[in-house]
Amino acid sequence: MKIISRLIAAILFILFFFFALKNTQEITLHFFLGYERTDPLVLVLLVCFVGGAILGVLAMTPVVFRHRREASRHKKAVSTLQKEREAQQLAQIQPPQPDSIVPVPPQHLI
């Protein structure tokens, strides 16, 4: 599986590399207030892709933290239920203790 994923990564790298070589023409971006910037097309595409990926990660951050918080709450609940179940099983295994036995302190035994 590791070989297949590395092979796919190498193929994608080669495809993107040749895509970059084919798109080296200069483009001009026109911003507000007459500001212009001239860059290679592949660089502009790369910046837009990276910016979109960063915005996507930032948009998912609250959802990820909410799911982590819920998962930890569920783990605590499961742990509590398992402890209760173990206590019930232990109570079923042990014979019942009589209520009338009062422990004698060790100093009275002398």
PDB file of N, CA and C in Angstrom:
ATOM      1  N   MET A   1       0.825  -1.189   0.000  1.00  0.00           N
ATOM      2  CA  MET A   1       0.000   0.000   0.000  1.00  0.00           C
ATOM      3  C   MET A   1       0.867   1.250   0.000  1.00  0.00           C
ATOM      4  N   LYS A   2       1.974   1.188   0.738  1.00  0.00           N
ATOM      5  CA  LYS A   2       2.877   2.327   0.802  1.00  0.00           C
ATOM      6  C   LYS A   2       3.488   2.608  -0.569  1.00  0.00           C
ATOM      7  N   ILE A   3       3.786   1.555  -1.306  1.00  0.00           N
ATOM      8  CA  ILE A   3       4.379   1.717  -2.636  1.00  0.00           C
ATOM      9  C   ILE A   3       3.364   2.364  -3.585  1.00  0.00           C
ATOM     10  N   ILE A   4       2.118   1.927  -3.500  1.00  0.00           N
ATOM     11  CA  ILE A   4       1.079   2.488  -4.369  1.00  0.00           C
ATOM     12  C   ILE A   4       0.865   3.960  -4.071  1.00  0.00           C
ATOM     13  N   SER A   5       0.807   4.338  -2.800  1.00  0.00           N
ATOM     14  CA  SER A   5       0.585   5.746  -2.466  1.00  0.00           C
ATOM     15  C   SER A   5       1.772   6.607  -2.894  1.00  0.00           C
ATOM     16  N   ARG A   6       2.977   6.087  -2.780  1.00  0.00           N
ATOM     17  CA  ARG A   6       4.155   6.840  -3.245  1.00  0.00           C
ATOM     18  C   ARG A   6       4.182   6.952  -4.759  1.00  0.00           C
ATOM     19  N   LEU A   7       3.749   5.908  -5.439  1.00  0.00           N
ATOM     20  CA  LEU A   7       3.678   5.944  -6.894  1.00  0.00           C
ATOM     21  C   LEU A   7       2.659   6.983  -7.368  1.00  0.00           C
ATOM     22  N   ILE A   8       1.509   7.017  -6.720  1.00  0.00           N
ATOM     23  CA  ILE A   8       0.491   8.013  -7.057  1.00  0.00           C
ATOM     24  C   ILE A   8       0.995   9.419  -6.766  1.00  0.00           C
ATOM     25  N   ALA A   9       1.683   9.596  -5.641  1.00  0.00           N
ATOM     26  CA  ALA A   9       2.240  10.910  -5.307  1.00  0.00           C
ATOM     27  C   ALA A   9       3.278  11.341  -6.339  1.00  0.00           C
ATOM     28  N   ALA A  10       4.118  10.426  -6.790  1.00  0.00           N
ATOM     29  CA  ALA A  10       5.122  10.756  -7.799  1.00  0.00           C
ATOM     30  C   ALA A  10       4.461  11.133  -9.126  1.00  0.00           C
ATOM     31  N   ILE A  11       3.436  10.395  -9.512  1.00  0.00           N
ATOM     32  CA  ILE A  11       2.722  10.707 -10.760  1.00  0.00           C
ATOM     33  C   ILE A  11       2.059  12.073 -10.674  1.00  0.00           C
ATOM     34  N   LEU A  12       1.419  12.371  -9.546  1.00  0.00           N
ATOM     35  CA  LEU A  12       0.793  13.692  -9.382  1.00  0.00           C
ATOM     36  C   LEU A  12       1.832  14.803  -9.398  1.00  0.00           C
ATOM     37  N   PHE A  13       2.972  14.587  -8.756  1.00  0.00           N
ATOM     38  CA  PHE A  13       4.033  15.589  -8.773  1.00  0.00           C
ATOM     39  C   PHE A  13       4.500  15.853 -10.197  1.00  0.00           C
ATOM     40  N   ILE A  14       4.710  14.804 -10.979  1.00  0.00           N
ATOM     41  CA  ILE A  14       5.152  14.965 -12.368  1.00  0.00           C
ATOM     42  C   ILE A  14       4.105  15.708 -13.187  1.00  0.00           C
ATOM     43  N   LEU A  15       2.823  15.360 -12.999  1.00  0.00           N
ATOM     44  CA  LEU A  15       1.746  16.046 -13.725  1.00  0.00           C
ATOM     45  C   LEU A  15       1.700  17.532 -13.377  1.00  0.00           C
ATOM     46  N   PHE A  16       1.775  17.847 -12.096  1.00  0.00           N
ATOM     47  CA  PHE A  16       1.733  19.252 -11.690  1.00  0.00           C
ATOM     48  C   PHE A  16       2.988  20.001 -12.136  1.00  0.00           C
ATOM     49  N   PHE A  17       4.130  19.321 -12.158  1.00  0.00           N
ATOM     50  CA  PHE A  17       5.366  19.957 -12.615  1.00  0.00           C
ATOM     51  C   PHE A  17       5.260  20.336 -14.095  1.00  0.00           C
ATOM     52  N   PHE A  18       4.763  19.404 -14.922  1.00  0.00           N
ATOM     53  CA  PHE A  18       4.608  19.717 -16.335  1.00  0.00           C
ATOM     54  C   PHE A  18       3.507  20.754 -16.567  1.00  0.00           C
ATOM     55  N   PHE A  19       2.476  20.750 -15.732  1.00  0.00           N
ATOM     56  CA  PHE A  19       1.445  21.784 -15.801  1.00  0.00           C
ATOM     57  C   PHE A  19       2.070  23.148 -15.536  1.00  0.00           C
ATOM     58  N   ALA A  20       2.952  23.221 -14.557  1.00  0.00           N
ATOM     59  CA  ALA A  20       3.629  24.480 -14.233  1.00  0.00           C
ATOM     60  C   ALA A  20       4.527  24.923 -15.379  1.00  0.00           C
ATOM     61  N   LEU A  21       5.207  23.970 -16.015  1.00  0.00           N
ATOM     62  CA  LEU A  21       6.069  24.327 -17.138  1.00  0.00           C
ATOM     63  C   LEU A  21       5.272  24.843 -18.333  1.00  0.00           C
ATOM     64  N   LYS A  22       4.066  24.347 -18.520  1.00  0.00           N
ATOM     65  CA  LYS A  22       3.229  24.767 -19.646  1.00  0.00           C
ATOM     66  C   LYS A  22       2.567  26.130 -19.402  1.00  0.00           C
ATOM     67  N   ASN A  23       2.450  26.557 -18.137  1.00  0.00           N
ATOM     68  CA  ASN A  23       1.729  27.788 -17.810  1.00  0.00           C
ATOM     69  C   ASN A  23       2.661  28.830 -17.208  1.00  0.00           C
ATOM     70  N   THR A  24       3.708  29.171 -17.928  1.00  0.00           N
ATOM     71  CA  THR A  24       4.663  30.151 -17.428  1.00  0.00           C
ATOM     72  C   THR A  24       4.389  31.562 -17.941  1.00  0.00           C
ATOM     73  N   GLN A  25       3.366  31.744 -18.779  1.00  0.00           N
ATOM     74  CA  GLN A  25       3.090  33.079 -19.306  1.00  0.00           C
ATOM     75  C   GLN A  25       2.700  34.029 -18.180  1.00  0.00           C
ATOM     76  N   GLU A  26       3.024  35.278 -18.385  1.00  0.00           N
ATOM     77  CA  GLU A  26       2.756  36.312 -17.392  1.00  0.00           C
ATOM     78  C   GLU A  26       1.303  36.767 -17.486  1.00  0.00           C
ATOM     79  N   ILE A  27       0.697  36.993 -16.328  1.00  0.00           N
ATOM     80  CA  ILE A  27      -0.641  37.584 -16.284  1.00  0.00           C
ATOM     81  C   ILE A  27      -0.586  38.802 -15.383  1.00  0.00           C
ATOM     82  N   THR A  28      -1.498  39.718 -15.625  1.00  0.00           N
ATOM     83  CA  THR A  28      -1.551  40.931 -14.825  1.00  0.00           C
ATOM     84  C   THR A  28      -2.836  40.919 -14.011  1.00  0.00           C
ATOM     85  N   LEU A  29      -2.695  41.049 -12.709  1.00  0.00           N
ATOM     86  CA  LEU A  29      -3.846  41.163 -11.822  1.00  0.00           C
ATOM     87  C   LEU A  29      -4.078  42.639 -11.539  1.00  0.00           C
ATOM     88  N   HIS A  30      -5.301  43.091 -11.721  1.00  0.00           N
ATOM     89  CA  HIS A  30      -5.657  44.487 -11.483  1.00  0.00           C
ATOM     90  C   HIS A  30      -6.416  44.571 -10.163  1.00  0.00           C
ATOM     91  N   PHE A  31      -5.835  45.297  -9.210  1.00  0.00           N
ATOM     92  CA  PHE A  31      -6.453  45.475  -7.909  1.00  0.00           C
ATOM     93  C   PHE A  31      -7.122  46.844  -7.851  1.00  0.00           C
ATOM     94  N   PHE A  32      -7.649  47.172  -6.705  1.00  0.00           N
ATOM     95  CA  PHE A  32      -8.295  48.468  -6.513  1.00  0.00           C
ATOM     96  C   PHE A  32      -7.260  49.589  -6.489  1.00  0.00           C
ATOM     97  N   LEU A  33      -7.716  50.804  -6.717  1.00  0.00           N
ATOM     98  CA  LEU A  33      -6.905  52.020  -6.679  1.00  0.00           C
ATOM     99  C   LEU A  33      -5.755  51.999  -7.685  1.00  0.00           C
ATOM    100  N   GLY A  34      -5.944  51.311  -8.819  1.00  0.00           N
ATOM    101  CA  GLY A  34      -4.966  51.311  -9.880  1.00  0.00           C
ATOM    102  C   GLY A  34      -3.749  50.442  -9.644  1.00  0.00           C
ATOM    103  N   TYR A  35      -3.743  49.629  -8.591  1.00  0.00           N
ATOM    104  CA  TYR A  35      -2.599  48.768  -8.302  1.00  0.00           C
ATOM    105  C   TYR A  35      -2.643  47.559  -9.229  1.00  0.00           C
ATOM    106  N   GLU A  36      -1.517  47.233  -9.862  1.00  0.00           N
ATOM    107  CA  GLU A  36      -1.409  46.078 -10.753  1.00  0.00           C
ATOM    108  C   GLU A  36      -0.219  45.226 -10.341  1.00  0.00           C
ATOM    109  N   ARG A  37      -0.348  43.944 -10.577  1.00  0.00           N
ATOM    110  CA  ARG A  37       0.750  43.029 -10.259  1.00  0.00           C
ATOM    111  C   ARG A  37       0.852  42.022 -11.392  1.00  0.00           C
ATOM    112  N   THR A  38       2.062  41.803 -11.887  1.00  0.00           N
ATOM    113  CA  THR A  38       2.299  40.859 -12.975  1.00  0.00           C
ATOM    114  C   THR A  38       3.098  39.677 -12.423  1.00  0.00           C
ATOM    115  N   ASP A  39       2.531  38.474 -12.577  1.00  0.00           N
ATOM    116  CA  ASP A  39       3.161  37.254 -12.083  1.00  0.00           C
ATOM    117  C   ASP A  39       2.899  36.126 -13.070  1.00  0.00           C
ATOM    118  N   PRO A  40       3.664  35.037 -12.970  1.00  0.00           N
ATOM    119  CA  PRO A  40       3.369  33.859 -13.798  1.00  0.00           C
ATOM    120  C   PRO A  40       2.027  33.241 -13.404  1.00  0.00           C
ATOM    121  N   LEU A  41       1.330  32.710 -14.379  1.00  0.00           N
ATOM    122  CA  LEU A  41       0.007  32.126 -14.146  1.00  0.00           C
ATOM    123  C   LEU A  41       0.059  31.002 -13.120  1.00  0.00           C
ATOM    124  N   VAL A  42       1.053  30.149 -13.187  1.00  0.00           N
ATOM    125  CA  VAL A  42       1.129  29.019 -12.270  1.00  0.00           C
ATOM    126  C   VAL A  42       1.317  29.497 -10.834  1.00  0.00           C
ATOM    127  N   LEU A  43       2.041  30.591 -10.635  1.00  0.00           N
ATOM    128  CA  LEU A  43       2.222  31.125  -9.288  1.00  0.00           C
ATOM    129  C   LEU A  43       0.899  31.655  -8.729  1.00  0.00           C
ATOM    130  N   VAL A  44       0.130  32.326  -9.571  1.00  0.00           N
ATOM    131  CA  VAL A  44      -1.171  32.839  -9.136  1.00  0.00           C
ATOM    132  C   VAL A  44      -2.107  31.682  -8.785  1.00  0.00           C
ATOM    133  N   LEU A  45      -2.091  30.637  -9.599  1.00  0.00           N
ATOM    134  CA  LEU A  45      -2.930  29.470  -9.308  1.00  0.00           C
ATOM    135  C   LEU A  45      -2.503  28.799  -8.003  1.00  0.00           C
ATOM    136  N   LEU A  46      -1.209  28.693  -7.781  1.00  0.00           N
ATOM    137  CA  LEU A  46      -0.704  28.084  -6.543  1.00  0.00           C
ATOM    138  C   LEU A  46      -1.113  28.893  -5.315  1.00  0.00           C
ATOM    139  N   VAL A  47      -0.987  30.211  -5.395  1.00  0.00           N
ATOM    140  CA  VAL A  47      -1.375  31.074  -4.273  1.00  0.00           C
ATOM    141  C   VAL A  47      -2.871  30.949  -3.996  1.00  0.00           C
ATOM    142  N   CYS A  48      -3.671  30.915  -5.046  1.00  0.00           N
ATOM    143  CA  CYS A  48      -5.125  30.763  -4.850  1.00  0.00           C
ATOM    144  C   CYS A  48      -5.469  29.413  -4.237  1.00  0.00           C
ATOM    145  N   PHE A  49      -4.794  28.353  -4.676  1.00  0.00           N
ATOM    146  CA  PHE A  49      -5.043  27.029  -4.119  1.00  0.00           C
ATOM    147  C   PHE A  49      -4.665  26.965  -2.641  1.00  0.00           C
ATOM    148  N   VAL A  50      -3.475  27.472  -2.304  1.00  0.00           N
ATOM    149  CA  VAL A  50      -3.018  27.444  -0.913  1.00  0.00           C
ATOM    150  C   VAL A  50      -3.923  28.306  -0.036  1.00  0.00           C
ATOM    151  N   GLY A  51      -4.303  29.481  -0.540  1.00  0.00           N
ATOM    152  CA  GLY A  51      -5.217  30.340   0.225  1.00  0.00           C
ATOM    153  C   GLY A  51      -6.561  29.668   0.479  1.00  0.00           C
ATOM    154  N   GLY A  52      -7.096  28.982  -0.527  1.00  0.00           N
ATOM    155  CA  GLY A  52      -8.355  28.262  -0.348  1.00  0.00           C
ATOM    156  C   GLY A  52      -8.231  27.118   0.644  1.00  0.00           C
ATOM    157  N   ALA A  53      -7.103  26.418   0.598  1.00  0.00           N
ATOM    158  CA  ALA A  53      -6.889  25.320   1.546  1.00  0.00           C
ATOM    159  C   ALA A  53      -6.802  25.842   2.977  1.00  0.00           C
ATOM    160  N   ILE A  54      -6.107  26.958   3.162  1.00  0.00           N
ATOM    161  CA  ILE A  54      -5.990  27.543   4.504  1.00  0.00           C
ATOM    162  C   ILE A  54      -7.352  28.005   5.009  1.00  0.00           C
ATOM    163  N   LEU A  55      -8.127  28.652   4.145  1.00  0.00           N
ATOM    164  CA  LEU A  55      -9.474  29.087   4.555  1.00  0.00           C
ATOM    165  C   LEU A  55     -10.373  27.895   4.880  1.00  0.00           C
ATOM    166  N   GLY A  56     -10.232  26.809   4.136  1.00  0.00           N
ATOM    167  CA  GLY A  56     -11.011  25.605   4.424  1.00  0.00           C
ATOM    168  C   GLY A  56     -10.671  25.008   5.770  1.00  0.00           C
ATOM    169  N   VAL A  57      -9.382  24.955   6.086  1.00  0.00           N
ATOM    170  CA  VAL A  57      -8.952  24.424   7.385  1.00  0.00           C
ATOM    171  C   VAL A  57      -9.462  25.313   8.512  1.00  0.00           C
ATOM    172  N   LEU A  58      -9.351  26.629   8.336  1.00  0.00           N
ATOM    173  CA  LEU A  58      -9.843  27.547   9.368  1.00  0.00           C
ATOM    174  C   LEU A  58     -11.352  27.441   9.549  1.00  0.00           C
ATOM    175  N   ALA A  59     -12.073  27.204   8.473  1.00  0.00           N
ATOM    176  CA  ALA A  59     -13.525  27.063   8.581  1.00  0.00           C
ATOM    177  C   ALA A  59     -13.917  25.781   9.322  1.00  0.00           C
ATOM    178  N   MET A  60     -13.099  24.729   9.220  1.00  0.00           N
ATOM    179  CA  MET A  60     -13.418  23.457   9.872  1.00  0.00           C
ATOM    180  C   MET A  60     -12.949  23.380  11.316  1.00  0.00           C
ATOM    181  N   THR A  61     -12.140  24.316  11.759  1.00  0.00           N
ATOM    182  CA  THR A  61     -11.568  24.259  13.108  1.00  0.00           C
ATOM    183  C   THR A  61     -12.628  24.186  14.209  1.00  0.00           C
ATOM    184  N   PRO A  62     -13.669  25.043  14.207  1.00  0.00           N
ATOM    185  CA  PRO A  62     -14.672  24.924  15.282  1.00  0.00           C
ATOM    186  C   PRO A  62     -15.376  23.567  15.299  1.00  0.00           C
ATOM    187  N   VAL A  63     -15.651  23.017  14.125  1.00  0.00           N
ATOM    188  CA  VAL A  63     -16.329  21.719  14.054  1.00  0.00           C
ATOM    189  C   VAL A  63     -15.438  20.628  14.636  1.00  0.00           C
ATOM    190  N   VAL A  64     -14.148  20.665  14.323  1.00  0.00           N
ATOM    191  CA  VAL A  64     -13.214  19.657  14.828  1.00  0.00           C
ATOM    192  C   VAL A  64     -13.133  19.730  16.349  1.00  0.00           C
ATOM    193  N   PHE A  65     -13.017  20.949  16.882  1.00  0.00           N
ATOM    194  CA  PHE A  65     -12.945  21.079  18.345  1.00  0.00           C
ATOM    195  C   PHE A  65     -14.237  20.622  19.016  1.00  0.00           C
ATOM    196  N   ARG A  66     -15.385  20.887  18.401  1.00  0.00           N
ATOM    197  CA  ARG A  66     -16.657  20.435  18.969  1.00  0.00           C
ATOM    198  C   ARG A  66     -16.705  18.910  18.998  1.00  0.00           C
ATOM    199  N   HIS A  67     -16.275  18.271  17.909  1.00  0.00           N
ATOM    200  CA  HIS A  67     -16.282  16.808  17.872  1.00  0.00           C
ATOM    201  C   HIS A  67     -15.312  16.213  18.891  1.00  0.00           C
ATOM    202  N   ARG A  68     -14.167  16.834  19.079  1.00  0.00           N
ATOM    203  CA  ARG A  68     -13.223  16.347  20.083  1.00  0.00           C
ATOM    204  C   ARG A  68     -13.802  16.459  21.482  1.00  0.00           C
ATOM    205  N   ARG A  69     -14.473  17.578  21.749  1.00  0.00           N
ATOM    206  CA  ARG A  69     -15.080  17.771  23.063  1.00  0.00           C
ATOM    207  C   ARG A  69     -16.163  16.719  23.299  1.00  0.00           C
ATOM    208  N   GLU A  70     -16.991  16.450  22.288  1.00  0.00           N
ATOM    209  CA  GLU A  70     -18.035  15.435  22.429  1.00  0.00           C
ATOM    210  C   GLU A  70     -17.426  14.044  22.610  1.00  0.00           C
ATOM    211  N   ALA A  71     -16.354  13.763  21.885  1.00  0.00           N
ATOM    212  CA  ALA A  71     -15.712  12.456  22.004  1.00  0.00           C
ATOM    213  C   ALA A  71     -15.153  12.246  23.411  1.00  0.00           C
ATOM    214  N   SER A  72     -14.534  13.281  23.982  1.00  0.00           N
ATOM    215  CA  SER A  72     -14.001  13.123  25.339  1.00  0.00           C
ATOM    216  C   SER A  72     -15.132  12.953  26.350  1.00  0.00           C
ATOM    217  N   ARG A  73     -16.245  13.655  26.135  1.00  0.00           N
ATOM    218  CA  ARG A  73     -17.389  13.496  27.033  1.00  0.00           C
ATOM    219  C   ARG A  73     -17.947  12.077  26.934  1.00  0.00           C
ATOM    220  N   HIS A  74     -18.018  11.539  25.721  1.00  0.00           N
ATOM    221  CA  HIS A  74     -18.511  10.170  25.550  1.00  0.00           C
ATOM    222  C   HIS A  74     -17.548   9.151  26.161  1.00  0.00           C
ATOM    223  N   LYS A  75     -16.239   9.390  26.047  1.00  0.00           N
ATOM    224  CA  LYS A  75     -15.273   8.480  26.655  1.00  0.00           C
ATOM    225  C   LYS A  75     -15.429   8.456  28.164  1.00  0.00           C
ATOM    226  N   LYS A  76     -15.669   9.628  28.768  1.00  0.00           N
ATOM    227  CA  LYS A  76     -15.879   9.680  30.221  1.00  0.00           C
ATOM    228  C   LYS A  76     -17.139   8.925  30.608  1.00  0.00           C
ATOM    229  N   ALA A  77     -18.200   9.082  29.813  1.00  0.00           N
ATOM    230  CA  ALA A  77     -19.454   8.392  30.114  1.00  0.00           C
ATOM    231  C   ALA A  77     -19.274   6.877  30.000  1.00  0.00           C
ATOM    232  N   VAL A  78     -18.570   6.430  28.990  1.00  0.00           N
ATOM    233  CA  VAL A  78     -18.324   4.996  28.817  1.00  0.00           C
ATOM    234  C   VAL A  78     -17.480   4.466  29.969  1.00  0.00           C
ATOM    235  N   SER A  79     -16.480   5.228  30.380  1.00  0.00           N
ATOM    236  CA  SER A  79     -15.638   4.811  31.496  1.00  0.00           C
ATOM    237  C   SER A  79     -16.460   4.680  32.774  1.00  0.00           C
ATOM    238  N   THR A  80     -17.334   5.641  33.022  1.00  0.00           N
ATOM    239  CA  THR A  80     -18.196   5.586  34.208  1.00  0.00           C
ATOM    240  C   THR A  80     -19.120   4.374  34.152  1.00  0.00           C
ATOM    241  N   LEU A  81     -19.709   4.111  32.999  1.00  0.00           N
ATOM    242  CA  LEU A  81     -20.592   2.951  32.865  1.00  0.00           C
ATOM    243  C   LEU A  81     -19.831   1.645  33.050  1.00  0.00           C
ATOM    244  N   GLN A  82     -18.608   1.569  32.540  1.00  0.00           N
ATOM    245  CA  GLN A  82     -17.814   0.354  32.722  1.00  0.00           C
ATOM    246  C   GLN A  82     -17.471   0.140  34.189  1.00  0.00           C
ATOM    247  N   LYS A  83     -17.141   1.212  34.910  1.00  0.00           N
ATOM    248  CA  LYS A  83     -16.852   1.078  36.342  1.00  0.00           C
ATOM    249  C   LYS A  83     -18.086   0.611  37.098  1.00  0.00           C
ATOM    250  N   GLU A  84     -19.254   1.144  36.765  1.00  0.00           N
ATOM    251  CA  GLU A  84     -20.492   0.710  37.419  1.00  0.00           C
ATOM    252  C   GLU A  84     -20.773  -0.761  37.122  1.00  0.00           C
ATOM    253  N   ARG A  85     -20.543  -1.178  35.889  1.00  0.00           N
ATOM    254  CA  ARG A  85     -20.781  -2.565  35.512  1.00  0.00           C
ATOM    255  C   ARG A  85     -19.834  -3.496  36.259  1.00  0.00           C
ATOM    256  N   GLU A  86     -18.568  -3.100  36.370  1.00  0.00           N
ATOM    257  CA  GLU A  86     -17.607  -3.919  37.114  1.00  0.00           C
ATOM    258  C   GLU A  86     -18.000  -4.018  38.587  1.00  0.00           C
ATOM    259  N   ALA A  87     -18.487  -2.911  39.151  1.00  0.00           N
ATOM    260  CA  ALA A  87     -18.920  -2.934  40.550  1.00  0.00           C
ATOM    261  C   ALA A  87     -20.114  -3.857  40.726  1.00  0.00           C
ATOM    262  N   GLN A  88     -21.053  -3.847  39.778  1.00  0.00           N
ATOM    263  CA  GLN A  88     -22.211  -4.732  39.852  1.00  0.00           C
ATOM    264  C   GLN A  88     -21.784  -6.198  39.731  1.00  0.00           C
ATOM    265  N   GLN A  89     -20.859  -6.479  38.832  1.00  0.00           N
ATOM    266  CA  GLN A  89     -20.390  -7.856  38.684  1.00  0.00           C
ATOM    267  C   GLN A  89     -19.654  -8.320  39.928  1.00  0.00           C
ATOM    268  N   LEU A  90     -18.873  -7.443  40.525  1.00  0.00           N
ATOM    269  CA  LEU A  90     -18.164  -7.782  41.756  1.00  0.00           C
ATOM    270  C   LEU A  90     -19.156  -8.037  42.889  1.00  0.00           C
ATOM    271  N   ALA A  91     -20.216  -7.236  42.957  1.00  0.00           N
ATOM    272  CA  ALA A  91     -21.233  -7.427  43.998  1.00  0.00           C
ATOM    273  C   ALA A  91     -21.972  -8.741  43.802  1.00  0.00           C
ATOM    274  N   GLN A  92     -22.158  -9.170  42.574  1.00  0.00           N
ATOM    275  CA  GLN A  92     -22.848 -10.433  42.325  1.00  0.00           C
ATOM    276  C   GLN A  92     -21.961 -11.629  42.669  1.00  0.00           C
ATOM    277  N   ILE A  93     -20.669 -11.487  42.514  1.00  0.00           N
ATOM    278  CA  ILE A  93     -19.743 -12.589  42.784  1.00  0.00           C
ATOM    279  C   ILE A  93     -19.555 -12.794  44.280  1.00  0.00           C
ATOM    280  N   GLN A  94     -19.438 -11.713  45.057  1.00  0.00           N
ATOM    281  CA  GLN A  94     -19.199 -11.819  46.495  1.00  0.00           C
ATOM    282  C   GLN A  94     -20.458 -12.270  47.217  1.00  0.00           C
ATOM    283  N   PRO A  95     -20.303 -13.123  48.226  1.00  0.00           N
ATOM    284  CA  PRO A  95     -21.478 -13.517  49.009  1.00  0.00           C
ATOM    285  C   PRO A  95     -21.935 -12.337  49.866  1.00  0.00           C
ATOM    286  N   PRO A  96     -23.193 -12.310  50.202  1.00  0.00           N
ATOM    287  CA  PRO A  96     -23.692 -11.199  51.021  1.00  0.00           C
ATOM    288  C   PRO A  96     -23.073 -11.223  52.418  1.00  0.00           C
ATOM    289  N   GLN A  97     -22.768 -10.067  52.944  1.00  0.00           N
ATOM    290  CA  GLN A  97     -22.172  -9.934  54.270  1.00  0.00           C
ATOM    291  C   GLN A  97     -23.285  -9.707  55.290  1.00  0.00           C
ATOM    292  N   PRO A  98     -23.182 -10.378  56.461  1.00  0.00           N
ATOM    293  CA  PRO A  98     -24.207 -10.164  57.486  1.00  0.00           C
ATOM    294  C   PRO A  98     -24.087  -8.750  58.062  1.00  0.00           C
ATOM    295  N   ASP A  99     -25.233  -8.193  58.441  1.00  0.00           N
ATOM    296  CA  ASP A  99     -25.270  -6.826  58.961  1.00  0.00           C
ATOM    297  C   ASP A  99     -24.899  -6.763  60.446  1.00  0.00           C
ATOM    298  N   SER A 100     -25.003  -7.869  61.199  1.00  0.00           N
ATOM    299  CA  SER A 100     -24.844  -7.816  62.647  1.00  0.00           C
ATOM    300  C   SER A 100     -23.395  -7.910  63.120  1.00  0.00           C
ATOM    301  N   ILE A 101     -22.459  -8.140  62.278  1.00  0.00           N
ATOM    302  CA  ILE A 101     -21.067  -8.254  62.707  1.00  0.00           C
ATOM    303  C   ILE A 101     -20.488  -6.857  62.868  1.00  0.00           C
ATOM    304  N   VAL A 102     -19.980  -6.609  64.064  1.00  0.00           N
ATOM    305  CA  VAL A 102     -19.351  -5.326  64.355  1.00  0.00           C
ATOM    306  C   VAL A 102     -17.863  -5.593  64.516  1.00  0.00           C
ATOM    307  N   PRO A 103     -17.028  -4.899  63.799  1.00  0.00           N
ATOM    308  CA  PRO A 103     -15.587  -5.165  63.934  1.00  0.00           C
ATOM    309  C   PRO A 103     -15.086  -4.750  65.309  1.00  0.00           C
ATOM    310  N   VAL A 104     -14.232  -5.572  65.893  1.00  0.00           N
ATOM    311  CA  VAL A 104     -13.658  -5.299  67.205  1.00  0.00           C
ATOM    312  C   VAL A 104     -12.324  -4.612  66.993  1.00  0.00           C
ATOM    313  N   PRO A 105     -12.112  -3.472  67.673  1.00  0.00           N
ATOM    314  CA  PRO A 105     -10.821  -2.829  67.544  1.00  0.00           C
ATOM    315  C   PRO A 105      -9.700  -3.709  68.077  1.00  0.00           C
ATOM    316  N   PRO A 106      -8.512  -3.657  67.533  1.00  0.00           N
ATOM    317  CA  PRO A 106      -7.413  -4.558  67.928  1.00  0.00           C
ATOM    318  C   PRO A 106      -6.970  -4.359  69.372  1.00  0.00           C
ATOM    319  N   GLN A 107      -7.143  -3.222  70.008  1.00  0.00           N
ATOM    320  CA  GLN A 107      -6.685  -2.991  71.381  1.00  0.00           C
ATOM    321  C   GLN A 107      -7.535  -3.755  72.412  1.00  0.00           C
ATOM    322  N   HIS A 108      -8.745  -4.128  72.089  1.00  0.00           N
ATOM    323  CA  HIS A 108      -9.588  -4.867  73.023  1.00  0.00           C
ATOM    324  C   HIS A 108      -9.289  -6.353  73.016  1.00  0.00           C
ATOM    325  N   LEU A 109      -8.490  -6.826  72.104  1.00  0.00           N
ATOM    326  CA  LEU A 109      -8.205  -8.240  72.017  1.00  0.00           C
ATOM    327  C   LEU A 109      -7.137  -8.683  73.015  1.00  0.00           C
ATOM    328  N   ILE A 110      -6.441  -7.789  73.629  1.00  0.00           N
ATOM    329  CA  ILE A 110      -5.354  -8.146  74.550  1.00  0.00           C
ATOM    330  C   ILE A 110      -5.854  -8.635  75.861  1.00  0.00           C
TER     331      ILE A 110
END
